[in-house]
Amino acid sequence: VAVGDENPKELISHFVNAARLAIDPDAPGFSDGFLTPAETDELTRTTYLKVHEAYIDNDPAMEEVLT
């Protein structure tokens, strides 16, 4: 899976919907094992914040950029 600038919630929704259509008929309730919508919102929020905080923390100081 390659992830770029896609909305992660849209990507996750595709996985859930694909499981509902392709797996649930043979394994009823399989898609119920995915995170709830609220849990998915929280996971994407906390992950987004952690990733961007790490990016900012590793960004060179302005003094370094000016030299």
N, C-alpha and C. Protein backbone atom coordinates (compact mmCIF):
# COMPACT_ATOMS: atom_id res chain seq x y z
N VAL A 1 0.86 -1.17 0.00
CA VAL A 1 0.00 0.00 0.00
C VAL A 1 0.89 1.22 0.00
N ALA A 2 0.70 2.07 -0.95
CA ALA A 2 1.43 3.34 -1.00
C ALA A 2 0.49 4.43 -0.50
N VAL A 3 0.99 5.26 0.38
CA VAL A 3 0.17 6.33 0.92
C VAL A 3 0.86 7.65 0.62
N GLY A 4 0.13 8.55 0.04
CA GLY A 4 0.67 9.86 -0.27
C GLY A 4 -0.16 10.90 0.44
N ASP A 5 -0.83 11.72 -0.33
CA ASP A 5 -1.62 12.79 0.28
C ASP A 5 -3.10 12.43 0.39
N GLU A 6 -3.40 11.12 0.28
CA GLU A 6 -4.78 10.69 0.43
C GLU A 6 -5.26 10.91 1.87
N ASN A 7 -6.54 11.10 2.01
CA ASN A 7 -7.13 11.18 3.34
C ASN A 7 -7.12 9.76 3.92
N PRO A 8 -6.42 9.53 5.05
CA PRO A 8 -6.33 8.17 5.58
C PRO A 8 -7.69 7.57 5.93
N LYS A 9 -8.64 8.41 6.34
CA LYS A 9 -9.97 7.89 6.66
C LYS A 9 -10.67 7.35 5.42
N GLU A 10 -10.45 7.99 4.28
CA GLU A 10 -11.03 7.49 3.04
C GLU A 10 -10.40 6.15 2.66
N LEU A 11 -9.10 6.02 2.83
CA LEU A 11 -8.42 4.77 2.54
C LEU A 11 -8.93 3.65 3.44
N ILE A 12 -9.05 3.93 4.73
CA ILE A 12 -9.56 2.94 5.68
C ILE A 12 -11.00 2.57 5.33
N SER A 13 -11.80 3.55 4.93
CA SER A 13 -13.19 3.25 4.57
C SER A 13 -13.25 2.32 3.37
N HIS A 14 -12.31 2.45 2.44
CA HIS A 14 -12.27 1.54 1.29
C HIS A 14 -11.98 0.11 1.75
N PHE A 15 -11.05 -0.05 2.69
CA PHE A 15 -10.75 -1.39 3.22
C PHE A 15 -11.98 -1.99 3.92
N VAL A 16 -12.65 -1.19 4.74
CA VAL A 16 -13.82 -1.68 5.46
C VAL A 16 -14.93 -2.06 4.47
N ASN A 17 -15.20 -1.18 3.51
CA ASN A 17 -16.26 -1.47 2.54
C ASN A 17 -15.92 -2.68 1.67
N ALA A 18 -14.64 -2.82 1.30
CA ALA A 18 -14.22 -3.99 0.52
C ALA A 18 -14.41 -5.26 1.34
N ALA A 19 -14.08 -5.21 2.63
CA ALA A 19 -14.28 -6.38 3.49
C ALA A 19 -15.76 -6.71 3.61
N ARG A 20 -16.59 -5.70 3.74
CA ARG A 20 -18.03 -5.94 3.83
C ARG A 20 -18.56 -6.64 2.59
N LEU A 21 -18.06 -6.21 1.43
CA LEU A 21 -18.55 -6.78 0.17
C LEU A 21 -17.92 -8.14 -0.16
N ALA A 22 -16.64 -8.29 0.10
CA ALA A 22 -15.92 -9.48 -0.37
C ALA A 22 -15.71 -10.56 0.69
N ILE A 23 -15.63 -10.18 1.95
CA ILE A 23 -15.30 -11.15 3.00
C ILE A 23 -16.51 -11.52 3.85
N ASP A 24 -17.29 -10.52 4.24
CA ASP A 24 -18.44 -10.77 5.13
C ASP A 24 -19.41 -11.83 4.61
N PRO A 25 -19.65 -11.93 3.29
CA PRO A 25 -20.57 -12.98 2.84
C PRO A 25 -20.08 -14.39 3.20
N ASP A 26 -18.77 -14.60 3.20
CA ASP A 26 -18.21 -15.91 3.54
C ASP A 26 -17.82 -16.04 5.00
N ALA A 27 -17.51 -14.91 5.62
CA ALA A 27 -17.13 -14.89 7.04
C ALA A 27 -17.94 -13.78 7.72
N PRO A 28 -19.22 -14.06 8.00
CA PRO A 28 -20.10 -13.03 8.56
C PRO A 28 -19.49 -12.35 9.79
N GLY A 29 -19.57 -11.03 9.78
CA GLY A 29 -19.08 -10.24 10.90
C GLY A 29 -17.60 -9.90 10.84
N PHE A 30 -16.91 -10.36 9.80
CA PHE A 30 -15.47 -10.08 9.70
C PHE A 30 -15.20 -8.59 9.82
N SER A 31 -15.94 -7.78 9.10
CA SER A 31 -15.68 -6.33 9.10
C SER A 31 -15.99 -5.68 10.44
N ASP A 32 -16.71 -6.38 11.30
CA ASP A 32 -16.98 -5.84 12.63
C ASP A 32 -15.71 -5.74 13.47
N GLY A 33 -14.63 -6.42 13.03
CA GLY A 33 -13.37 -6.39 13.75
C GLY A 33 -12.56 -5.12 13.52
N PHE A 34 -12.97 -4.30 12.56
CA PHE A 34 -12.27 -3.04 12.34
C PHE A 34 -12.60 -2.07 13.47
N LEU A 35 -11.76 -1.04 13.61
CA LEU A 35 -12.03 0.00 14.60
C LEU A 35 -13.39 0.65 14.32
N THR A 36 -14.00 1.17 15.36
CA THR A 36 -15.23 1.92 15.18
C THR A 36 -14.89 3.25 14.49
N PRO A 37 -15.89 3.92 13.92
CA PRO A 37 -15.61 5.23 13.33
C PRO A 37 -14.95 6.21 14.32
N ALA A 38 -15.42 6.23 15.55
CA ALA A 38 -14.83 7.13 16.55
C ALA A 38 -13.38 6.74 16.85
N GLU A 39 -13.10 5.44 16.94
CA GLU A 39 -11.73 4.98 17.19
C GLU A 39 -10.83 5.32 16.00
N THR A 40 -11.37 5.20 14.79
CA THR A 40 -10.60 5.55 13.60
C THR A 40 -10.30 7.04 13.57
N ASP A 41 -11.27 7.86 13.93
CA ASP A 41 -11.04 9.31 14.00
C ASP A 41 -9.93 9.62 15.00
N GLU A 42 -9.96 8.99 16.16
CA GLU A 42 -8.95 9.26 17.19
C GLU A 42 -7.58 8.76 16.75
N LEU A 43 -7.53 7.58 16.14
CA LEU A 43 -6.25 7.04 15.67
C LEU A 43 -5.64 7.94 14.60
N THR A 44 -6.42 8.37 13.63
CA THR A 44 -5.88 9.22 12.58
C THR A 44 -5.46 10.58 13.13
N ARG A 45 -6.20 11.10 14.08
CA ARG A 45 -5.86 12.39 14.69
C ARG A 45 -4.54 12.30 15.44
N THR A 46 -4.41 11.31 16.32
CA THR A 46 -3.19 11.20 17.13
C THR A 46 -1.98 10.87 16.26
N THR A 47 -2.17 10.03 15.24
CA THR A 47 -1.07 9.69 14.34
C THR A 47 -0.64 10.91 13.55
N TYR A 48 -1.59 11.65 13.02
CA TYR A 48 -1.29 12.87 12.26
C TYR A 48 -0.49 13.84 13.12
N LEU A 49 -0.94 14.05 14.36
CA LEU A 49 -0.24 14.99 15.23
C LEU A 49 1.17 14.51 15.56
N LYS A 50 1.36 13.21 15.84
CA LYS A 50 2.68 12.68 16.14
C LYS A 50 3.63 12.82 14.96
N VAL A 51 3.15 12.50 13.78
CA VAL A 51 4.00 12.57 12.59
C VAL A 51 4.41 14.01 12.31
N HIS A 52 3.47 14.93 12.39
CA HIS A 52 3.80 16.32 12.12
C HIS A 52 4.64 16.93 13.21
N GLU A 53 4.45 16.52 14.44
CA GLU A 53 5.30 16.99 15.53
C GLU A 53 6.73 16.51 15.31
N ALA A 54 6.91 15.25 14.92
CA ALA A 54 8.25 14.73 14.65
C ALA A 54 8.89 15.49 13.49
N TYR A 55 8.12 15.79 12.47
CA TYR A 55 8.63 16.55 11.33
C TYR A 55 9.12 17.92 11.78
N ILE A 56 8.30 18.61 12.55
CA ILE A 56 8.66 19.95 13.03
C ILE A 56 9.87 19.88 13.95
N ASP A 57 9.90 18.88 14.84
CA ASP A 57 11.02 18.74 15.78
C ASP A 57 12.34 18.46 15.06
N ASN A 58 12.28 17.86 13.88
CA ASN A 58 13.49 17.53 13.14
C ASN A 58 13.83 18.55 12.05
N ASP A 59 13.03 19.57 11.95
CA ASP A 59 13.28 20.64 10.99
C ASP A 59 14.48 21.44 11.48
N PRO A 60 15.38 21.83 10.59
CA PRO A 60 16.55 22.60 11.05
C PRO A 60 16.13 23.95 11.63
N ALA A 61 16.93 24.41 12.57
CA ALA A 61 16.68 25.72 13.17
C ALA A 61 16.86 26.80 12.12
N MET A 62 16.20 27.90 12.30
CA MET A 62 16.28 29.01 11.36
C MET A 62 17.72 29.48 11.18
N GLU A 63 18.48 29.47 12.25
CA GLU A 63 19.89 29.88 12.18
C GLU A 63 20.65 28.99 11.19
N GLU A 64 20.35 27.70 11.18
CA GLU A 64 21.01 26.79 10.24
C GLU A 64 20.58 27.06 8.81
N VAL A 65 19.33 27.40 8.63
CA VAL A 65 18.80 27.64 7.28
C VAL A 65 19.41 28.93 6.71
N LEU A 66 19.64 29.92 7.55
CA LEU A 66 20.15 31.21 7.09
C LEU A 66 21.63 31.14 6.71
N THR A 67 22.36 30.15 7.19
CA THR A 67 23.80 30.13 6.91
C THR A 67 24.13 29.34 5.69
